[in-house]
């Protein structure tokens, strides 16, 4: 359809072929042939060489994998061999879902996808036989793993064009898990969540925003009805560098989403001390050309670094007005979120969970 564009074209093709396996006679054979032929066309563009979904949505990769696995089982029941392109996609998507599965057994809540139930994710991985280590990056995302801390960061631009109907303009967004529990998250917007499109904007995720401005936004009105809620005006250039040393991992990320309007580049550094089991981060706004303030022509620009706390976690502001204590359960040790900003505020947020 025009609304979801090519994002679910492969899923629709798989559903057509699956319907064909359930019907007997010429009708079933025709549907099955149509669906498999369409899959041969859509899978090479939907599933990237590294196994990532072209929409960059973790949940989309999971859903497509489950559909293809179901179709494969149905074809076996019919005594048919699955096409090579389909088996290649299953193999690639299996590795990607493994990469996306975080320490709590669910998925990252980024680029238009909810976390999903652990049992749902586990079902897609039931036939997994992987022994190799989980990769540190895939589909533009990066993982940092410590003794108890896990960091997942978005280090690529959102999908463009027709693939962007579920994309979010949230550059360098991150999620943090400690002891297998999600502390820092996002709003977890997805098309199924039926939340407002505003939750696809920069302030609905754990990243930095400038002057309450958007860094890309979905189409609205007549254009959205005709083309779907595509993302327009989003950042296009993101740089990500990963370093490893004895007892330390760190990421250096940056994007150009604020350059044209404000003449500033957002840089985010994440440092994971493996020995101290401590995460340190730095957000910096760097002038692209000193002395030039971009189209806005402003010398003083307010900025905010937001960290969305998971609804299962309580947040308490310390007496210094800067540090925040995060605690998953009463009576358990908490984690301090310390910063050198002028102040820290605790505000109401929105979170979707299926």
Protein backbone atom coordinates (compact mmCIF):
# COMPACT_ATOMS: atom_id res chain seq x y z
CA UNK A 1 0.00 0.00 0.00
CA UNK A 2 1.02 3.64 -0.35
CA UNK A 3 0.76 4.14 3.41
CA UNK A 4 3.44 1.63 4.44
CA UNK A 5 5.30 1.61 1.12
CA UNK A 6 7.89 -1.16 0.69
CA UNK A 7 8.41 -1.65 4.44
CA UNK A 8 5.97 -4.57 4.60
CA UNK A 9 6.03 -5.70 0.99
CA UNK A 10 8.02 -8.83 1.87
CA UNK A 11 5.64 -9.63 4.74
CA UNK A 12 2.66 -9.34 2.39
CA UNK A 13 4.36 -11.60 -0.16
CA UNK A 14 5.07 -14.17 2.56
CA UNK A 15 1.42 -14.03 3.67
CA UNK A 16 0.27 -14.63 0.09
CA UNK A 17 2.54 -17.65 -0.30
CA UNK A 18 1.46 -18.98 3.11
CA UNK A 19 -2.20 -18.70 2.10
CA UNK A 20 -1.33 -20.72 -1.00
CA UNK A 21 0.14 -23.54 1.09
CA UNK A 22 -3.13 -23.77 3.02
CA UNK A 23 -5.26 -24.18 -0.11
CA UNK A 24 -5.42 -27.20 -2.39
CA UNK A 25 -5.66 -27.37 -6.12
CA UNK A 26 -4.76 -24.79 -8.75
CA UNK A 27 -5.83 -21.86 -6.57
CA UNK A 28 -3.32 -22.77 -3.87
CA UNK A 29 -0.54 -23.41 -6.37
CA UNK A 30 -1.18 -20.08 -8.08
CA UNK A 31 -1.17 -18.12 -4.81
CA UNK A 32 1.96 -19.89 -3.64
CA UNK A 33 3.76 -19.18 -6.92
CA UNK A 34 2.72 -15.52 -6.85
CA UNK A 35 3.85 -15.06 -3.26
CA UNK A 36 7.21 -16.78 -3.77
CA UNK A 37 7.87 -14.80 -6.96
CA UNK A 38 7.12 -11.58 -5.15
CA UNK A 39 9.39 -12.63 -2.27
CA UNK A 40 12.23 -13.17 -4.73
CA UNK A 41 11.81 -9.53 -5.79
CA UNK A 42 11.32 -7.92 -2.37
CA UNK A 43 13.75 -9.81 -0.12
CA UNK A 44 17.00 -8.60 -1.78
CA UNK A 45 16.02 -4.96 -1.19
CA UNK A 46 14.36 -5.50 2.20
CA UNK A 47 17.08 -7.56 3.87
CA UNK A 48 20.45 -5.85 3.69
CA UNK A 49 23.73 -7.75 3.19
CA UNK A 50 24.46 -7.52 6.93
CA UNK A 51 20.98 -8.86 7.73
CA UNK A 52 19.44 -5.57 8.78
CA UNK A 53 15.96 -4.54 7.63
CA UNK A 54 16.02 -1.65 5.13
CA UNK A 55 13.73 0.36 7.43
CA UNK A 56 16.34 -0.01 10.23
CA UNK A 57 13.50 -1.04 12.56
CA UNK A 58 14.54 -3.92 14.87
CA UNK A 59 10.93 -5.05 15.27
CA UNK A 60 10.45 -5.16 11.48
CA UNK A 61 13.38 -7.57 11.21
CA UNK A 62 11.83 -9.81 13.89
CA UNK A 63 8.38 -9.83 12.27
CA UNK A 64 9.76 -10.67 8.83
CA UNK A 65 11.89 -13.47 10.27
CA UNK A 66 8.88 -15.04 12.00
CA UNK A 67 6.83 -14.81 8.78
CA UNK A 68 9.56 -16.47 6.73
CA UNK A 69 10.07 -19.21 9.32
CA UNK A 70 6.34 -19.96 9.31
CA UNK A 71 6.30 -20.07 5.51
CA UNK A 72 9.34 -22.37 5.46
CA UNK A 73 7.60 -24.83 7.78
CA UNK A 74 4.45 -24.71 5.62
CA UNK A 75 6.46 -25.40 2.47
CA UNK A 76 8.10 -28.40 4.15
CA UNK A 77 4.63 -29.75 4.99
CA UNK A 78 3.73 -29.43 1.31
CA UNK A 79 6.93 -31.17 0.26
CA UNK A 80 8.27 -28.03 -1.39
CA UNK A 81 11.79 -26.62 -1.14
CA UNK A 82 12.04 -22.97 -0.06
CA UNK A 83 13.70 -20.65 -2.61
CA UNK A 84 17.39 -19.95 -2.06
CA UNK A 85 16.76 -16.20 -1.63
CA UNK A 86 14.28 -16.92 1.17
CA UNK A 87 16.67 -19.22 3.03
CA UNK A 88 19.45 -16.66 2.68
CA UNK A 89 17.15 -14.00 4.17
CA UNK A 90 16.22 -16.28 7.08
CA UNK A 91 19.89 -16.88 7.82
CA UNK A 92 20.73 -13.17 7.72
CA UNK A 93 17.70 -12.09 9.73
CA UNK A 94 18.42 -14.74 12.37
CA UNK A 95 21.83 -13.18 12.99
CA UNK A 96 20.30 -9.72 13.12
CA UNK A 97 17.60 -10.66 15.65
CA UNK A 98 20.31 -12.27 17.76
CA UNK A 99 22.24 -8.99 17.64
CA UNK A 100 19.11 -6.98 18.52
CA UNK A 101 18.18 -9.18 21.49
CA UNK A 102 19.27 -7.26 24.57
CA UNK A 103 20.09 -8.57 28.04
CA UNK A 104 16.42 -8.54 29.10
CA UNK A 105 15.45 -10.76 26.17
CA UNK A 106 13.61 -7.99 24.31
CA UNK A 107 14.47 -5.65 21.42
CA UNK A 108 15.71 -2.04 21.30
CA UNK A 109 12.90 0.51 21.17
CA UNK A 110 14.35 2.50 18.29
CA UNK A 111 13.34 3.51 14.75
CA UNK A 112 9.68 2.59 15.01
CA UNK A 113 9.75 -0.61 17.03
CA UNK A 114 8.57 -1.69 20.45
CA UNK A 115 10.60 -4.00 22.69
CA UNK A 116 8.25 -6.96 22.28
CA UNK A 117 7.60 -9.78 24.73
CA UNK A 118 10.60 -11.92 25.63
CA UNK A 119 8.72 -15.09 24.68
CA UNK A 120 7.89 -13.60 21.28
CA UNK A 121 11.55 -12.81 20.59
CA UNK A 122 12.61 -16.21 21.92
CA UNK A 123 10.21 -17.94 19.52
CA UNK A 124 12.05 -16.47 16.55
CA UNK A 125 15.36 -17.70 18.00
CA UNK A 126 14.18 -21.20 18.94
CA UNK A 127 15.95 -22.86 16.02
CA UNK A 128 19.11 -20.81 16.46
CA UNK A 129 22.34 -22.75 16.47
CA UNK A 130 24.86 -19.90 16.67
CA UNK A 131 28.09 -20.30 18.59
CA UNK A 132 29.96 -17.24 17.30
CA UNK A 133 30.06 -14.11 19.50
CA UNK A 134 27.35 -11.51 18.98
CA UNK A 135 28.68 -8.82 16.60
CA UNK A 136 29.40 -5.38 18.08
CA UNK A 137 27.63 -3.50 15.27
CA UNK A 138 24.98 -4.17 12.64
CA UNK A 139 22.41 -2.23 10.63
CA UNK A 140 23.96 1.04 11.86
CA UNK A 141 23.60 0.17 15.56
CA UNK A 142 26.38 -0.43 18.12
CA UNK A 143 26.63 -2.45 21.33
CA UNK A 144 28.91 -1.93 24.32
CA UNK A 145 28.99 -4.79 26.84
CA UNK A 146 30.39 -4.63 30.37
CA UNK A 147 30.16 -6.91 33.42
CA UNK A 148 26.64 -5.68 34.17
CA UNK A 149 26.13 -2.67 31.85
CA UNK A 150 24.89 -2.96 28.29
CA UNK A 151 24.68 0.06 25.97
CA UNK A 152 22.86 0.10 22.64
CA UNK A 153 23.33 3.17 20.42
CA UNK A 154 22.01 4.32 17.06
CA UNK A 155 24.95 5.33 14.88
CA UNK A 156 23.34 5.85 11.46
CA UNK A 157 20.76 8.12 9.80
CA UNK A 158 17.13 7.00 9.62
CA UNK A 159 15.84 5.21 6.54
CA UNK A 160 14.92 7.54 3.69
CA UNK A 161 12.17 7.87 1.12
CA UNK A 162 9.42 5.27 1.10
CA UNK A 163 11.30 3.22 3.71
CA UNK A 164 10.97 6.02 6.28
CA UNK A 165 7.25 5.64 7.11
CA UNK A 166 8.23 4.10 10.46
CA UNK A 167 11.55 5.93 10.92
CA UNK A 168 12.26 8.31 13.80
CA UNK A 169 14.33 11.50 13.73
CA UNK A 170 16.24 10.75 16.93
CA UNK A 171 19.98 11.03 16.17
CA UNK A 172 22.45 9.15 18.37
CA UNK A 173 19.65 7.76 20.56
CA UNK A 174 20.74 5.22 23.14
CA UNK A 175 19.42 2.65 25.60
CA UNK A 176 21.12 1.38 28.74
CA UNK A 177 20.51 -1.88 30.61
CA UNK A 178 22.04 -2.82 33.95
CA UNK A 179 21.91 -6.34 35.31
CA UNK A 180 19.53 -7.31 32.52
CA UNK A 181 17.08 -4.51 33.39
CA UNK A 182 16.33 -1.56 31.17
CA UNK A 183 17.13 1.76 32.84
CA UNK A 184 17.41 4.25 29.99
CA UNK A 185 14.95 3.70 27.15
CA UNK A 186 12.82 5.60 24.61
CA UNK A 187 9.12 6.24 24.09
CA UNK A 188 8.95 2.95 22.11
CA UNK A 189 6.70 4.43 19.44
CA UNK A 190 5.62 2.13 16.65
CA UNK A 191 2.79 2.17 14.08
CA UNK A 192 0.99 -0.45 16.20
CA UNK A 193 1.26 1.70 19.33
CA UNK A 194 -1.22 4.21 17.86
CA UNK A 195 0.69 7.04 19.50
CA UNK A 196 0.99 10.53 18.07
CA UNK A 197 3.49 11.09 15.28
CA UNK A 198 5.22 13.63 17.53
CA UNK A 199 6.79 10.68 19.35
CA UNK A 200 8.97 10.15 16.27
CA UNK A 201 10.74 13.45 16.99
CA UNK A 202 14.06 14.05 18.70
CA UNK A 203 12.78 14.77 22.21
CA UNK A 204 11.00 11.39 22.45
CA UNK A 205 14.28 9.51 22.75
CA UNK A 206 17.42 9.57 24.88
CA UNK A 207 19.50 12.11 23.00
CA UNK A 208 20.19 15.85 22.76
CA UNK A 209 17.85 18.45 21.26
CA UNK A 210 18.31 22.13 20.44
CA UNK A 211 15.85 24.97 21.06
CA UNK A 212 12.92 22.54 21.12
CA UNK A 213 13.33 22.15 17.35
CA UNK A 214 12.83 18.99 15.30
CA UNK A 215 15.69 17.23 13.54
CA UNK A 216 13.34 15.86 10.88
CA UNK A 217 9.60 15.20 11.08
CA UNK A 218 6.90 13.05 9.47
CA UNK A 219 4.69 14.28 6.66
CA UNK A 220 1.24 15.49 7.63
CA UNK A 221 -2.10 16.16 6.01
CA UNK A 222 -2.69 15.50 2.32
CA UNK A 223 0.93 14.55 1.59
CA UNK A 224 0.90 11.96 4.38
CA UNK A 225 -2.40 10.54 3.10
CA UNK A 226 -0.90 10.20 -0.39
CA UNK A 227 2.64 9.05 0.44
CA UNK A 228 2.39 7.74 3.97
CA UNK A 229 3.92 9.44 7.05
CA UNK A 230 7.42 9.58 5.57
CA UNK A 231 10.18 11.33 7.47
CA UNK A 232 11.36 14.56 5.82
CA UNK A 233 14.13 17.03 6.61
CA UNK A 234 16.07 14.48 8.65
CA UNK A 235 19.83 14.38 9.19
CA UNK A 236 21.73 12.44 6.53
CA UNK A 237 25.29 12.15 7.81
CA UNK A 238 26.20 10.23 10.96
CA UNK A 239 29.70 9.17 11.90
CA UNK A 240 30.48 6.35 14.32
CA UNK A 241 33.88 5.17 15.51
CA UNK A 242 34.43 2.36 17.97
CA UNK A 243 37.58 1.81 20.00
CA UNK A 244 38.69 -1.02 22.27
CA UNK A 245 41.48 -1.08 24.81
CA UNK A 246 42.44 -3.13 27.83
CA UNK A 247 39.49 -2.79 30.22
CA UNK A 248 37.69 -0.14 28.17
CA UNK A 249 35.29 0.32 25.26
CA UNK A 250 34.13 3.58 23.78
CA UNK A 251 32.08 5.02 20.95
CA UNK A 252 32.45 8.39 19.28
CA UNK A 253 29.29 9.44 17.44
CA UNK A 254 28.29 12.64 15.63
CA UNK A 255 25.59 13.90 13.26
CA UNK A 256 24.89 16.94 11.10
CA UNK A 257 21.21 17.48 11.95
CA UNK A 258 21.79 20.92 13.49
CA UNK A 259 24.40 22.23 11.04
CA UNK A 260 22.20 24.06 8.55
CA UNK A 261 19.95 25.74 11.10
CA UNK A 262 22.37 26.43 13.94
CA UNK A 263 25.84 25.80 12.52
CA UNK A 264 26.47 23.14 15.18
CA UNK A 265 27.43 19.49 15.11
CA UNK A 266 26.32 17.18 17.91
CA UNK A 267 29.03 14.83 19.15
CA UNK A 268 28.36 12.07 21.69
CA UNK A 269 31.08 10.03 23.37
CA UNK A 270 30.29 6.90 25.38
CA UNK A 271 33.03 5.30 27.49
CA UNK A 272 32.50 1.97 29.26
CA UNK A 273 35.03 1.18 31.99
CA UNK A 274 35.02 -2.61 32.19
CA UNK A 275 37.01 -2.75 35.41
CA UNK A 276 34.93 -0.22 37.35
CA UNK A 277 31.70 -1.32 35.61
CA UNK A 278 30.92 2.33 34.96
CA UNK A 279 29.49 4.19 31.96
CA UNK A 280 30.60 7.76 31.22
CA UNK A 281 29.22 9.93 28.47
CA UNK A 282 29.73 13.36 26.97
CA UNK A 283 27.46 15.40 24.71
CA UNK A 284 29.13 18.29 22.91
CA UNK A 285 27.94 20.90 20.41
CA UNK A 286 30.79 21.93 18.13
CA UNK A 287 30.70 24.90 15.76
CA UNK A 288 31.13 23.74 12.17
CA UNK A 289 32.53 27.15 11.19
CA UNK A 290 33.47 29.35 14.15
CA UNK A 291 31.66 32.65 14.12
CA UNK A 292 28.79 31.48 11.93
CA UNK A 293 25.52 30.59 13.61
CA UNK A 294 23.67 28.97 10.73
CA UNK A 295 20.36 30.09 9.25
CA UNK A 296 18.86 30.83 12.67
CA UNK A 297 21.56 33.43 13.34
CA UNK A 298 21.29 32.91 17.10
CA UNK A 299 24.19 33.32 19.50
CA UNK A 300 22.48 31.70 22.48
CA UNK A 301 20.70 28.43 21.86
CA UNK A 302 19.08 26.39 24.65
CA UNK A 303 19.78 22.67 24.57
CA UNK A 304 18.57 19.65 26.50
CA UNK A 305 20.00 16.17 26.96
CA UNK A 306 17.13 13.83 27.73
CA UNK A 307 17.32 10.36 29.22
CA UNK A 308 14.00 8.52 29.21
CA UNK A 309 13.72 6.28 32.25
CA UNK A 310 11.99 2.94 31.78
CA UNK A 311 8.57 2.85 33.56
CA UNK A 312 9.73 -0.03 35.80
CA UNK A 313 12.48 2.22 37.19
CA UNK A 314 12.05 4.92 39.82
CA UNK A 315 13.98 8.18 39.57
CA UNK A 316 14.83 10.39 42.56
CA UNK A 317 16.56 13.75 42.36
CA UNK A 318 19.42 14.24 44.83
CA UNK A 319 19.81 17.29 47.06
CA UNK A 320 22.44 18.78 44.78
CA UNK A 321 19.76 19.17 42.09
CA UNK A 322 21.98 17.45 39.54
CA UNK A 323 22.35 13.76 40.36
CA UNK A 324 19.49 11.30 39.82
CA UNK A 325 19.19 7.93 41.56
CA UNK A 326 17.73 5.18 39.36
CA UNK A 327 16.38 2.11 41.09
CA UNK A 328 14.51 -0.85 39.59
CA UNK A 329 13.07 -2.10 42.89
CA UNK A 330 12.85 -0.79 46.42
CA UNK A 331 15.52 -2.20 48.65
CA UNK A 332 17.86 -2.99 45.77
CA UNK A 333 21.05 -1.04 45.02
CA UNK A 334 20.50 1.87 42.67
CA UNK A 335 22.57 3.56 39.98
CA UNK A 336 23.55 7.21 40.04
CA UNK A 337 23.14 9.29 36.92
CA UNK A 338 25.56 12.16 37.54
CA UNK A 339 26.19 15.16 35.30
CA UNK A 340 27.83 18.58 35.26
CA UNK A 341 24.85 20.47 33.79
CA UNK A 342 23.39 23.50 35.50
CA UNK A 343 20.44 21.44 36.70
CA UNK A 344 18.62 18.16 36.22
CA UNK A 345 14.84 17.91 36.04
CA UNK A 346 12.51 14.93 36.23
CA UNK A 347 9.58 15.24 33.83
CA UNK A 348 6.65 13.08 32.76
CA UNK A 349 7.29 10.89 29.73
CA UNK A 350 5.37 8.50 27.49
CA UNK A 351 6.11 4.81 26.96
CA UNK A 352 4.43 2.18 24.79
CA UNK A 353 4.56 -1.51 25.59
CA UNK A 354 2.76 -4.33 23.78
